[in-house]
Amino acid sequence: GSSMRLTVGISDSLPKLIAYRLLETALHLPQKVRLECYEG
């Protein structure tokens, strides 16, 4: 019904706390987001 998948690649040089701050906004959308993160 309302689930949306977001598959994200996170560069290993990007601070993890920055990645969290950026993704946090997507997790607060009205539609439920299923997050998949891959570092590389």
Full PDB file with SEQRES, HELIX, SHEET, SSBOND, CRYST1, ORIGX, SCALE, CONECT and MASTER records, all heavy atoms in Angstrom:
SEQRES   1 A   40  GLY SER SER MET ARG LEU THR VAL GLY ILE SER ASP SER          
SEQRES   2 A   40  LEU PRO LYS LEU ILE ALA TYR ARG LEU LEU GLU THR ALA          
SEQRES   3 A   40  LEU HIS LEU PRO GLN LYS VAL ARG LEU GLU CYS TYR GLU          
SEQRES   4 A   40  GLY                                                          
HELIX    1 AA1 LYS A   16  LEU A   27  1                                  12    
SHEET    1 AA1 2 MET A   4  ILE A  10  0                                        
SHEET    2 AA1 2 VAL A  33  GLU A  39  1                                        
CRYST1    1.000    1.000    1.000  90.00  90.00  90.00 P 1           1          
ORIGX1      1.000000  0.000000  0.000000        0.00000                         
ORIGX2      0.000000  1.000000  0.000000        0.00000                         
ORIGX3      0.000000  0.000000  1.000000        0.00000                         
SCALE1      1.000000  0.000000  0.000000        0.00000                         
SCALE2      0.000000  1.000000  0.000000        0.00000                         
SCALE3      0.000000  0.000000  1.000000        0.00000                         
ATOM      1  N   GLY A   1       0.798  -1.212   0.000  1.00  0.00           N  
ATOM      2  CA  GLY A   1       0.000   0.000   0.000  1.00  0.00           C  
ATOM      3  C   GLY A   1       0.831   1.262   0.000  1.00  0.00           C  
ATOM      4  O   GLY A   1       0.898   1.953  -1.001  1.00  0.00           O  
ATOM      5  N   SER A   2       1.467   1.580   1.098  1.00  0.00           N  
ATOM      6  CA  SER A   2       2.086   2.899   1.221  1.00  0.00           C  
ATOM      7  C   SER A   2       3.614   2.850   1.301  1.00  0.00           C  
ATOM      8  O   SER A   2       4.238   3.869   1.534  1.00  0.00           O  
ATOM      9  CB  SER A   2       1.554   3.603   2.466  1.00  0.00           C  
ATOM     10  OG  SER A   2       1.847   2.846   3.627  1.00  0.00           O  
ATOM     11  N   SER A   3       4.219   1.694   1.114  1.00  0.00           N  
ATOM     12  CA  SER A   3       5.674   1.578   1.273  1.00  0.00           C  
ATOM     13  C   SER A   3       6.418   2.044   0.020  1.00  0.00           C  
ATOM     14  O   SER A   3       5.986   1.783  -1.101  1.00  0.00           O  
ATOM     15  CB  SER A   3       6.039   0.124   1.591  1.00  0.00           C  
ATOM     16  OG  SER A   3       7.424  -0.017   1.704  1.00  0.00           O  
ATOM     17  N   MET A   4       7.526   2.755   0.223  1.00  0.00           N  
ATOM     18  CA  MET A   4       8.377   3.217  -0.872  1.00  0.00           C  
ATOM     19  C   MET A   4       9.820   2.815  -0.567  1.00  0.00           C  
ATOM     20  O   MET A   4      10.300   3.061   0.530  1.00  0.00           O  
ATOM     21  CB  MET A   4       8.298   4.742  -0.978  1.00  0.00           C  
ATOM     22  CG  MET A   4       9.168   5.329  -2.075  1.00  0.00           C  
ATOM     23  SD  MET A   4       9.462   7.131  -1.886  1.00  0.00           S  
ATOM     24  CE  MET A   4       7.955   7.710  -1.182  1.00  0.00           C  
ATOM     25  N   ARG A   5      10.502   2.190  -1.529  1.00  0.00           N  
ATOM     26  CA  ARG A   5      11.877   1.770  -1.297  1.00  0.00           C  
ATOM     27  C   ARG A   5      12.844   2.850  -1.764  1.00  0.00           C  
ATOM     28  O   ARG A   5      12.678   3.427  -2.837  1.00  0.00           O  
ATOM     29  CB  ARG A   5      12.181   0.462  -2.029  1.00  0.00           C  
ATOM     30  CG  ARG A   5      13.577  -0.091  -1.684  1.00  0.00           C  
ATOM     31  CD  ARG A   5      13.812  -1.467  -2.243  1.00  0.00           C  
ATOM     32  NE  ARG A   5      13.984  -1.444  -3.681  1.00  0.00           N  
ATOM     33  CZ  ARG A   5      14.426  -2.466  -4.402  1.00  0.00           C  
ATOM     34  NH1 ARG A   5      14.711  -3.604  -3.811  1.00  0.00           N  
ATOM     35  NH2 ARG A   5      14.541  -2.380  -5.713  1.00  0.00           N  
ATOM     36  N   LEU A   6      13.849   3.120  -0.948  1.00  0.00           N  
ATOM     37  CA  LEU A   6      14.911   4.056  -1.297  1.00  0.00           C  
ATOM     38  C   LEU A   6      16.236   3.329  -1.114  1.00  0.00           C  
ATOM     39  O   LEU A   6      16.625   2.983   0.000  1.00  0.00           O  
ATOM     40  CB  LEU A   6      14.858   5.296  -0.399  1.00  0.00           C  
ATOM     41  CG  LEU A   6      15.998   6.310  -0.591  1.00  0.00           C  
ATOM     42  CD1 LEU A   6      15.994   6.863  -2.018  1.00  0.00           C  
ATOM     43  CD2 LEU A   6      15.893   7.441   0.421  1.00  0.00           C  
ATOM     44  N   THR A   7      16.927   3.082  -2.230  1.00  0.00           N  
ATOM     45  CA  THR A   7      18.203   2.374  -2.207  1.00  0.00           C  
ATOM     46  C   THR A   7      19.318   3.389  -2.414  1.00  0.00           C  
ATOM     47  O   THR A   7      19.399   4.028  -3.467  1.00  0.00           O  
ATOM     48  CB  THR A   7      18.247   1.297  -3.304  1.00  0.00           C  
ATOM     49  OG1 THR A   7      17.084   0.477  -3.209  1.00  0.00           O  
ATOM     50  CG2 THR A   7      19.479   0.433  -3.159  1.00  0.00           C  
ATOM     51  N   VAL A   8      20.165   3.531  -1.403  1.00  0.00           N  
ATOM     52  CA  VAL A   8      21.148   4.614  -1.371  1.00  0.00           C  
ATOM     53  C   VAL A   8      22.570   4.056  -1.327  1.00  0.00           C  
ATOM     54  O   VAL A   8      22.867   3.148  -0.550  1.00  0.00           O  
ATOM     55  CB  VAL A   8      20.925   5.506  -0.126  1.00  0.00           C  
ATOM     56  CG1 VAL A   8      21.897   6.687  -0.132  1.00  0.00           C  
ATOM     57  CG2 VAL A   8      19.489   5.994  -0.060  1.00  0.00           C  
ATOM     58  N   GLY A   9      23.439   4.621  -2.148  1.00  0.00           N  
ATOM     59  CA  GLY A   9      24.861   4.343  -2.061  1.00  0.00           C  
ATOM     60  C   GLY A   9      25.529   5.477  -1.303  1.00  0.00           C  
ATOM     61  O   GLY A   9      25.279   6.652  -1.602  1.00  0.00           O  
ATOM     62  N   ILE A  10      26.345   5.153  -0.304  1.00  0.00           N  
ATOM     63  CA  ILE A  10      27.007   6.173   0.510  1.00  0.00           C  
ATOM     64  C   ILE A  10      28.512   6.041   0.309  1.00  0.00           C  
ATOM     65  O   ILE A  10      29.103   5.005   0.622  1.00  0.00           O  
ATOM     66  CB  ILE A  10      26.651   6.018   1.999  1.00  0.00           C  
ATOM     67  CG1 ILE A  10      25.137   6.161   2.187  1.00  0.00           C  
ATOM     68  CG2 ILE A  10      27.393   7.044   2.850  1.00  0.00           C  
ATOM     69  CD1 ILE A  10      24.663   5.856   3.590  1.00  0.00           C  
ATOM     70  N   SER A  11      29.109   7.076  -0.244  1.00  0.00           N  
ATOM     71  CA  SER A  11      30.549   7.071  -0.485  1.00  0.00           C  
ATOM     72  C   SER A  11      31.293   6.909   0.837  1.00  0.00           C  
ATOM     73  O   SER A  11      30.935   7.521   1.843  1.00  0.00           O  
ATOM     74  CB  SER A  11      30.949   8.387  -1.158  1.00  0.00           C  
ATOM     75  OG  SER A  11      32.344   8.470  -1.299  1.00  0.00           O  
ATOM     76  N   ASP A  12      32.342   6.074   0.844  1.00  0.00           N  
ATOM     77  CA  ASP A  12      33.057   5.800   2.100  1.00  0.00           C  
ATOM     78  C   ASP A  12      33.760   7.033   2.660  1.00  0.00           C  
ATOM     79  O   ASP A  12      34.151   7.057   3.821  1.00  0.00           O  
ATOM     80  CB  ASP A  12      34.047   4.643   1.943  1.00  0.00           C  
ATOM     81  CG  ASP A  12      35.034   4.847   0.796  1.00  0.00           C  
ATOM     82  OD1 ASP A  12      35.101   5.967   0.256  1.00  0.00           O  
ATOM     83  OD2 ASP A  12      35.743   3.891   0.449  1.00  0.00           O  
ATOM     84  N   SER A  13      33.908   8.066   1.833  1.00  0.00           N  
ATOM     85  CA  SER A  13      34.533   9.304   2.304  1.00  0.00           C  
ATOM     86  C   SER A  13      33.538  10.258   2.953  1.00  0.00           C  
ATOM     87  O   SER A  13      33.927  11.252   3.561  1.00  0.00           O  
ATOM     88  CB  SER A  13      35.229  10.014   1.141  1.00  0.00           C  
ATOM     89  OG  SER A  13      34.304  10.307   0.111  1.00  0.00           O  
ATOM     90  N   LEU A  14      32.248   9.960   2.820  1.00  0.00           N  
ATOM     91  CA  LEU A  14      31.218  10.837   3.388  1.00  0.00           C  
ATOM     92  C   LEU A  14      31.016  10.514   4.864  1.00  0.00           C  
ATOM     93  O   LEU A  14      30.789   9.348   5.217  1.00  0.00           O  
ATOM     94  CB  LEU A  14      29.898  10.654   2.638  1.00  0.00           C  
ATOM     95  CG  LEU A  14      28.764  11.601   3.032  1.00  0.00           C  
ATOM     96  CD1 LEU A  14      29.011  12.990   2.455  1.00  0.00           C  
ATOM     97  CD2 LEU A  14      27.427  11.072   2.549  1.00  0.00           C  
ATOM     98  N   PRO A  15      31.103  11.510   5.750  1.00  0.00           N  
ATOM     99  CA  PRO A  15      30.862  11.237   7.176  1.00  0.00           C  
ATOM    100  C   PRO A  15      29.498  10.591   7.394  1.00  0.00           C  
ATOM    101  O   PRO A  15      28.498  11.033   6.823  1.00  0.00           O  
ATOM    102  CB  PRO A  15      30.925  12.637   7.815  1.00  0.00           C  
ATOM    103  CG  PRO A  15      31.793  13.430   6.891  1.00  0.00           C  
ATOM    104  CD  PRO A  15      31.476  12.918   5.516  1.00  0.00           C  
ATOM    105  N   LYS A  16      29.471   9.535   8.213  1.00  0.00           N  
ATOM    106  CA  LYS A  16      28.224   8.789   8.405  1.00  0.00           C  
ATOM    107  C   LYS A  16      27.146   9.640   9.059  1.00  0.00           C  
ATOM    108  O   LYS A  16      25.952   9.473   8.779  1.00  0.00           O  
ATOM    109  CB  LYS A  16      28.496   7.536   9.261  1.00  0.00           C  
ATOM    110  CG  LYS A  16      29.592   6.638   8.702  1.00  0.00           C  
ATOM    111  CD  LYS A  16      29.299   6.231   7.260  1.00  0.00           C  
ATOM    112  CE  LYS A  16      30.448   5.457   6.641  1.00  0.00           C  
ATOM    113  NZ  LYS A  16      31.617   6.272   6.326  1.00  0.00           N  
ATOM    114  N   LEU A  17      27.542  10.547   9.929  1.00  0.00           N  
ATOM    115  CA  LEU A  17      26.555  11.416  10.562  1.00  0.00           C  
ATOM    116  C   LEU A  17      25.926  12.365   9.543  1.00  0.00           C  
ATOM    117  O   LEU A  17      24.737  12.695   9.641  1.00  0.00           O  
ATOM    118  CB  LEU A  17      27.201  12.212  11.704  1.00  0.00           C  
ATOM    119  CG  LEU A  17      27.553  11.405  12.952  1.00  0.00           C  
ATOM    120  CD1 LEU A  17      28.406  12.233  13.907  1.00  0.00           C  
ATOM    121  CD2 LEU A  17      26.294  10.916  13.659  1.00  0.00           C  
ATOM    122  N   ILE A  18      26.712  12.784   8.555  1.00  0.00           N  
ATOM    123  CA  ILE A  18      26.173  13.614   7.474  1.00  0.00           C  
ATOM    124  C   ILE A  18      25.158  12.806   6.671  1.00  0.00           C  
ATOM    125  O   ILE A  18      24.078  13.291   6.325  1.00  0.00           O  
ATOM    126  CB  ILE A  18      27.298  14.121   6.550  1.00  0.00           C  
ATOM    127  CG1 ILE A  18      28.168  15.151   7.269  1.00  0.00           C  
ATOM    128  CG2 ILE A  18      26.724  14.701   5.272  1.00  0.00           C  
ATOM    129  CD1 ILE A  18      27.533  16.499   7.471  1.00  0.00           C  
ATOM    130  N   ALA A  19      25.514  11.559   6.354  1.00  0.00           N  
ATOM    131  CA  ALA A  19      24.599  10.688   5.603  1.00  0.00           C  
ATOM    132  C   ALA A  19      23.278  10.547   6.350  1.00  0.00           C  
ATOM    133  O   ALA A  19      22.201  10.601   5.745  1.00  0.00           O  
ATOM    134  CB  ALA A  19      25.245   9.324   5.382  1.00  0.00           C  
ATOM    135  N   TYR A  20      23.372  10.371   7.670  1.00  0.00           N  
ATOM    136  CA  TYR A  20      22.149  10.239   8.467  1.00  0.00           C  
ATOM    137  C   TYR A  20      21.322  11.513   8.395  1.00  0.00           C  
ATOM    138  O   TYR A  20      20.104  11.468   8.210  1.00  0.00           O  
ATOM    139  CB  TYR A  20      22.493   9.922   9.922  1.00  0.00           C  
ATOM    140  CG  TYR A  20      21.280  10.010  10.830  1.00  0.00           C  
ATOM    141  CD1 TYR A  20      20.300   9.022  10.795  1.00  0.00           C  
ATOM    142  CD2 TYR A  20      21.096  11.102  11.671  1.00  0.00           C  
ATOM    143  CE1 TYR A  20      19.178   9.115  11.591  1.00  0.00           C  
ATOM    144  CE2 TYR A  20      19.977  11.209  12.467  1.00  0.00           C  
ATOM    145  CZ  TYR A  20      19.012  10.213  12.428  1.00  0.00           C  
ATOM    146  OH  TYR A  20      17.899  10.314  13.202  1.00  0.00           O  
ATOM    147  N   ARG A  21      21.977  12.663   8.528  1.00  0.00           N  
ATOM    148  CA  ARG A  21      21.256  13.934   8.480  1.00  0.00           C  
ATOM    149  C   ARG A  21      20.535  14.110   7.141  1.00  0.00           C  
ATOM    150  O   ARG A  21      19.418  14.610   7.080  1.00  0.00           O  
ATOM    151  CB  ARG A  21      22.229  15.101   8.678  1.00  0.00           C  
ATOM    152  CG  ARG A  21      22.844  15.182  10.069  1.00  0.00           C  
ATOM    153  CD  ARG A  21      21.860  15.779  11.069  1.00  0.00           C  
ATOM    154  NE  ARG A  21      22.460  15.890  12.381  1.00  0.00           N  
ATOM    155  CZ  ARG A  21      23.204  16.908  12.798  1.00  0.00           C  
ATOM    156  NH1 ARG A  21      23.459  17.911  11.975  1.00  0.00           N  
ATOM    157  NH2 ARG A  21      23.700  16.925  14.012  1.00  0.00           N  
ATOM    158  N   LEU A  22      21.196  13.714   6.065  1.00  0.00           N  
ATOM    159  CA  LEU A  22      20.602  13.850   4.739  1.00  0.00           C  
ATOM    160  C   LEU A  22      19.413  12.921   4.549  1.00  0.00           C  
ATOM    161  O   LEU A  22      18.400  13.298   3.960  1.00  0.00           O  
ATOM    162  CB  LEU A  22      21.659  13.577   3.661  1.00  0.00           C  
ATOM    163  CG  LEU A  22      22.810  14.586   3.572  1.00  0.00           C  
ATOM    164  CD1 LEU A  22      23.870  14.096   2.588  1.00  0.00           C  
ATOM    165  CD2 LEU A  22      22.298  15.956   3.150  1.00  0.00           C  
ATOM    166  N   LEU A  23      19.548  11.703   5.058  1.00  0.00           N  
ATOM    167  CA  LEU A  23      18.492  10.705   4.864  1.00  0.00           C  
ATOM    168  C   LEU A  23      17.330  10.881   5.835  1.00  0.00           C  
ATOM    169  O   LEU A  23      16.225  10.395   5.586  1.00  0.00           O  
ATOM    170  CB  LEU A  23      19.079   9.293   5.004  1.00  0.00           C  
ATOM    171  CG  LEU A  23      20.071   8.891   3.911  1.00  0.00           C  
ATOM    172  CD1 LEU A  23      20.730   7.572   4.263  1.00  0.00           C  
ATOM    173  CD2 LEU A  23      19.357   8.774   2.570  1.00  0.00           C  
ATOM    174  N   GLU A  24      17.584  11.563   6.923  1.00  0.00           N  
ATOM    175  CA  GLU A  24      16.569  11.728   7.960  1.00  0.00           C  
ATOM    176  C   GLU A  24      15.291  12.363   7.410  1.00  0.00           C  
ATOM    177  O   GLU A  24      14.183  11.978   7.769  1.00  0.00           O  
ATOM    178  CB  GLU A  24      17.138  12.590   9.088  1.00  0.00           C  
ATOM    179  CG  GLU A  24      16.283  12.635  10.336  1.00  0.00           C  
ATOM    180  CD  GLU A  24      16.925  13.462  11.437  1.00  0.00           C  
ATOM    181  OE1 GLU A  24      17.841  14.265  11.117  1.00  0.00           O  
ATOM    182  OE2 GLU A  24      16.521  13.317  12.590  1.00  0.00           O  
ATOM    183  N   THR A  25      15.456  13.328   6.504  1.00  0.00           N  
ATOM    184  CA  THR A  25      14.283  14.012   5.955  1.00  0.00           C  
ATOM    185  C   THR A  25      13.398  13.049   5.156  1.00  0.00           C  
ATOM    186  O   THR A  25      12.175  13.147   5.197  1.00  0.00           O  
ATOM    187  CB  THR A  25      14.728  15.165   5.031  1.00  0.00           C  
ATOM    188  OG1 THR A  25      15.641  14.663   4.052  1.00  0.00           O  
ATOM    189  CG2 THR A  25      15.417  16.252   5.830  1.00  0.00           C  
ATOM    190  N   ALA A  26      14.040  12.121   4.435  1.00  0.00           N  
ATOM    191  CA  ALA A  26      13.266  11.161   3.641  1.00  0.00           C  
ATOM    192  C   ALA A  26      12.468  10.223   4.534  1.00  0.00           C  
ATOM    193  O   ALA A  26      11.387   9.757   4.162  1.00  0.00           O  
ATOM    194  CB  ALA A  26      14.202  10.361   2.742  1.00  0.00           C  
ATOM    195  N   LEU A  27      12.992   9.949   5.723  1.00  0.00           N  
ATOM    196  CA  LEU A  27      12.316   9.018   6.637  1.00  0.00           C  
ATOM    197  C   LEU A  27      11.105   9.640   7.319  1.00  0.00           C  
ATOM    198  O   LEU A  27      10.335   8.950   7.973  1.00  0.00           O  
ATOM    199  CB  LEU A  27      13.310   8.513   7.685  1.00  0.00           C  
ATOM    200  CG  LEU A  27      14.492   7.707   7.135  1.00  0.00           C  
ATOM    201  CD1 LEU A  27      15.454   7.345   8.254  1.00  0.00           C  
ATOM    202  CD2 LEU A  27      14.007   6.451   6.426  1.00  0.00           C  
ATOM    203  N   HIS A  28      10.952  10.960   7.174  1.00  0.00           N  
ATOM    204  CA  HIS A  28       9.819  11.635   7.801  1.00  0.00           C  
ATOM    205  C   HIS A  28       8.730  12.002   6.794  1.00  0.00           C  
ATOM    206  O   HIS A  28       7.860  12.825   7.084  1.00  0.00           O  
ATOM    207  CB  HIS A  28      10.297  12.892   8.543  1.00  0.00           C  
ATOM    208  CG  HIS A  28      11.049  12.582   9.796  1.00  0.00           C  
ATOM    209  ND1 HIS A  28      12.426  12.549   9.838  1.00  0.00           N  
ATOM    210  CD2 HIS A  28      10.626  12.251  11.042  1.00  0.00           C  
ATOM    211  CE1 HIS A  28      12.826  12.233  11.068  1.00  0.00           C  
ATOM    212  NE2 HIS A  28      11.757  12.041  11.809  1.00  0.00           N  
ATOM    213  N   LEU A  29       8.794  11.395   5.617  1.00  0.00           N  
ATOM    214  CA  LEU A  29       7.742  11.611   4.631  1.00  0.00           C  
ATOM    215  C   LEU A  29       6.429  10.969   5.106  1.00  0.00           C  
ATOM    216  O   LEU A  29       6.456   9.992   5.871  1.00  0.00           O  
ATOM    217  CB  LEU A  29       8.142  10.997   3.289  1.00  0.00           C  
ATOM    218  CG  LEU A  29       9.215  11.733   2.481  1.00  0.00           C  
ATOM    219  CD1 LEU A  29       9.636  10.892   1.289  1.00  0.00           C  
ATOM    220  CD2 LEU A  29       8.700  13.087   2.023  1.00  0.00           C  
ATOM    221  N   PRO A  30       5.291  11.487   4.660  1.00  0.00           N  
ATOM    222  CA  PRO A  30       3.996  10.865   5.024  1.00  0.00           C  
ATOM    223  C   PRO A  30       3.929   9.403   4.599  1.00  0.00           C  
ATOM    224  O   PRO A  30       3.371   8.568   5.292  1.00  0.00           O  
ATOM    225  CB  PRO A  30       2.973  11.718   4.254  1.00  0.00           C  
ATOM    226  CG  PRO A  30       3.660  13.023   4.029  1.00  0.00           C  
ATOM    227  CD  PRO A  30       5.105  12.709   3.856  1.00  0.00           C  
ATOM    228  N   GLN A  31       4.539   9.110   3.424  1.00  0.00           N  
ATOM    229  CA  GLN A  31       4.565   7.728   2.936  1.00  0.00           C  
ATOM    230  C   GLN A  31       5.719   6.979   3.592  1.00  0.00           C  
ATOM    231  O   GLN A  31       6.832   7.494   3.713  1.00  0.00           O  
ATOM    232  CB  GLN A  31       4.735   7.709   1.415  1.00  0.00           C  
ATOM    233  CG  GLN A  31       4.640   6.310   0.812  1.00  0.00           C  
ATOM    234  CD  GLN A  31       4.727   6.351  -0.702  1.00  0.00           C  
ATOM    235  OE1 GLN A  31       4.974   7.400  -1.282  1.00  0.00           O  
ATOM    236  NE2 GLN A  31       4.518   5.213  -1.340  1.00  0.00           N  
ATOM    237  N   LYS A  32       5.471   5.764   4.031  1.00  0.00           N  
ATOM    238  CA  LYS A  32       6.500   4.955   4.681  1.00  0.00           C  
ATOM    239  C   LYS A  32       7.624   4.647   3.697  1.00  0.00           C  
ATOM    240  O   LYS A  32       7.381   4.258   2.557  1.00  0.00           O  
ATOM    241  CB  LYS A  32       5.889   3.651   5.203  1.00  0.00           C  
ATOM    242  CG  LYS A  32       6.891   2.758   5.933  1.00  0.00           C  
ATOM    243  CD  LYS A  32       6.227   1.471   6.407  1.00  0.00           C  
ATOM    244  CE  LYS A  32       7.234   0.552   7.085  1.00  0.00           C  
ATOM    245  NZ  LYS A  32       6.610  -0.728   7.495  1.00  0.00           N  
ATOM    246  N   VAL A  33       8.884   4.838   4.143  1.00  0.00           N  
ATOM    247  CA  VAL A  33      10.058   4.587   3.303  1.00  0.00           C  
ATOM    248  C   VAL A  33      10.831   3.398   3.841  1.00  0.00           C  
ATOM    249  O   VAL A  33      11.135   3.328   5.032  1.00  0.00           O  
ATOM    250  CB  VAL A  33      10.984   5.829   3.254  1.00  0.00           C  
ATOM    251  CG1 VAL A  33      12.259   5.510   2.473  1.00  0.00           C  
ATOM    252  CG2 VAL A  33      10.262   7.009   2.623  1.00  0.00           C  
ATOM    253  N   ARG A  34      11.111   2.452   2.955  1.00  0.00           N  
ATOM    254  CA  ARG A  34      11.971   1.321   3.313  1.00  0.00           C  
ATOM    255  C   ARG A  34      13.364   1.624   2.783  1.00  0.00           C  
ATOM    256  O   ARG A  34      13.598   1.655   1.579  1.00  0.00           O  
ATOM    257  CB  ARG A  34      11.433   0.025   2.694  1.00  0.00           C  
ATOM    258  CG  ARG A  34      12.129  -1.227   3.265  1.00  0.00           C  
ATOM    259  CD  ARG A  34      11.572  -2.491   2.654  1.00  0.00           C  
ATOM    260  NE  ARG A  34      12.076  -2.725   1.315  1.00  0.00           N  
ATOM    261  CZ  ARG A  34      11.578  -3.644   0.486  1.00  0.00           C  
ATOM    262  NH1 ARG A  34      10.546  -4.354   0.854  1.00  0.00           N  
ATOM    263  NH2 ARG A  34      12.093  -3.800  -0.705  1.00  0.00           N  
ATOM    264  N   LEU A  35      14.284   1.869   3.688  1.00  0.00           N  
ATOM    265  CA  LEU A  35      15.614   2.353   3.344  1.00  0.00           C  
ATOM    266  C   LEU A  35      16.606   1.205   3.223  1.00  0.00           C  
ATOM    267  O   LEU A  35      16.684   0.340   4.082  1.00  0.00           O  
ATOM    268  CB  LEU A  35      16.081   3.342   4.412  1.00  0.00           C  
ATOM    269  CG  LEU A  35      17.402   4.068   4.204  1.00  0.00           C  
ATOM    270  CD1 LEU A  35      17.340   4.950   2.970  1.00  0.00           C  
ATOM    271  CD2 LEU A  35      17.736   4.900   5.437  1.00  0.00           C  
ATOM    272  N   GLU A  36      17.399   1.210   2.139  1.00  0.00           N  
ATOM    273  CA  GLU A  36      18.488   0.265   1.952  1.00  0.00           C  
ATOM    274  C   GLU A  36      19.756   1.066   1.677  1.00  0.00           C  
ATOM    275  O   GLU A  36      19.800   1.849   0.729  1.00  0.00           O  
ATOM    276  CB  GLU A  36      18.213  -0.685   0.781  1.00  0.00           C  
ATOM    277  CG  GLU A  36      17.040  -1.627   1.007  1.00  0.00           C  
ATOM    278  CD  GLU A  36      16.817  -2.561  -0.175  1.00  0.00           C  
ATOM    279  OE1 GLU A  36      17.727  -2.664  -1.025  1.00  0.00           O  
ATOM    280  OE2 GLU A  36      15.737  -3.155  -0.252  1.00  0.00           O  
ATOM    281  N   CYS A  37      20.782   0.905   2.497  1.00  0.00           N  
ATOM    282  CA  CYS A  37      22.023   1.669   2.362  1.00  0.00           C  
ATOM    283  C   CYS A  37      23.201   0.754   2.051  1.00  0.00           C  
ATOM    284  O   CYS A  37      23.343  -0.299   2.673  1.00  0.00           O  
ATOM    285  CB  CYS A  37      22.315   2.453   3.641  1.00  0.00           C  
ATOM    286  SG  CYS A  37      21.141   3.786   3.963  1.00  0.00           S  
ATOM    287  N   TYR A  38      24.027   1.167   1.112  1.00  0.00           N  
ATOM    288  CA  TYR A  38      25.222   0.423   0.746  1.00  0.00           C  
ATOM    289  C   TYR A  38      26.397   1.393   0.733  1.00  0.00           C  
ATOM    290  O   TYR A  38      26.332   2.445   0.104  1.00  0.00           O  
ATOM    291  CB  TYR A  38      25.069  -0.228  -0.631  1.00  0.00           C  
ATOM    292  CG  TYR A  38      23.929  -1.205  -0.694  1.00  0.00           C  
ATOM    293  CD1 TYR A  38      22.648  -0.785  -1.087  1.00  0.00           C  
ATOM    294  CD2 TYR A  38      24.101  -2.537  -0.336  1.00  0.00           C  
ATOM    295  CE1 TYR A  38      21.587  -1.676  -1.131  1.00  0.00           C  
ATOM    296  CE2 TYR A  38      23.043  -3.434  -0.381  1.00  0.00           C  
ATOM    297  CZ  TYR A  38      21.781  -2.998  -0.774  1.00  0.00           C  
ATOM    298  OH  TYR A  38      20.735  -3.871  -0.809  1.00  0.00           O  
ATOM    299  N   GLU A  39      27.467   1.038   1.436  1.00  0.00           N  
ATOM    300  CA  GLU A  39      28.655   1.884   1.467  1.00  0.00           C  
ATOM    301  C   GLU A  39      29.696   1.324   0.514  1.00  0.00           C  
ATOM    302  O   GLU A  39      29.819   0.108   0.342  1.00  0.00           O  
ATOM    303  CB  GLU A  39      29.236   1.939   2.879  1.00  0.00           C  
ATOM    304  CG  GLU A  39      30.410   2.895   3.000  1.00  0.00           C  
ATOM    305  CD  GLU A  39      31.054   2.876   4.376  1.00  0.00           C  
ATOM    306  OE1 GLU A  39      30.649   2.033   5.204  1.00  0.00           O  
ATOM    307  OE2 GLU A  39      31.958   3.683   4.622  1.00  0.00           O  
ATOM    308  N   GLY A  40      30.448   2.215  -0.132  1.00  0.00           N  
ATOM    309  CA  GLY A  40      31.481   1.742  -1.040  1.00  0.00           C  
ATOM    310  C   GLY A  40      32.291   2.882  -1.603  1.00  0.00           C  
ATOM    311  O   GLY A  40      32.109   4.046  -1.239  1.00  0.00           O  
TER     312      GLY A  40                                                      
MASTER        0    0    0    1    2    0    0    6  311    1    0    4          
END                                                                             
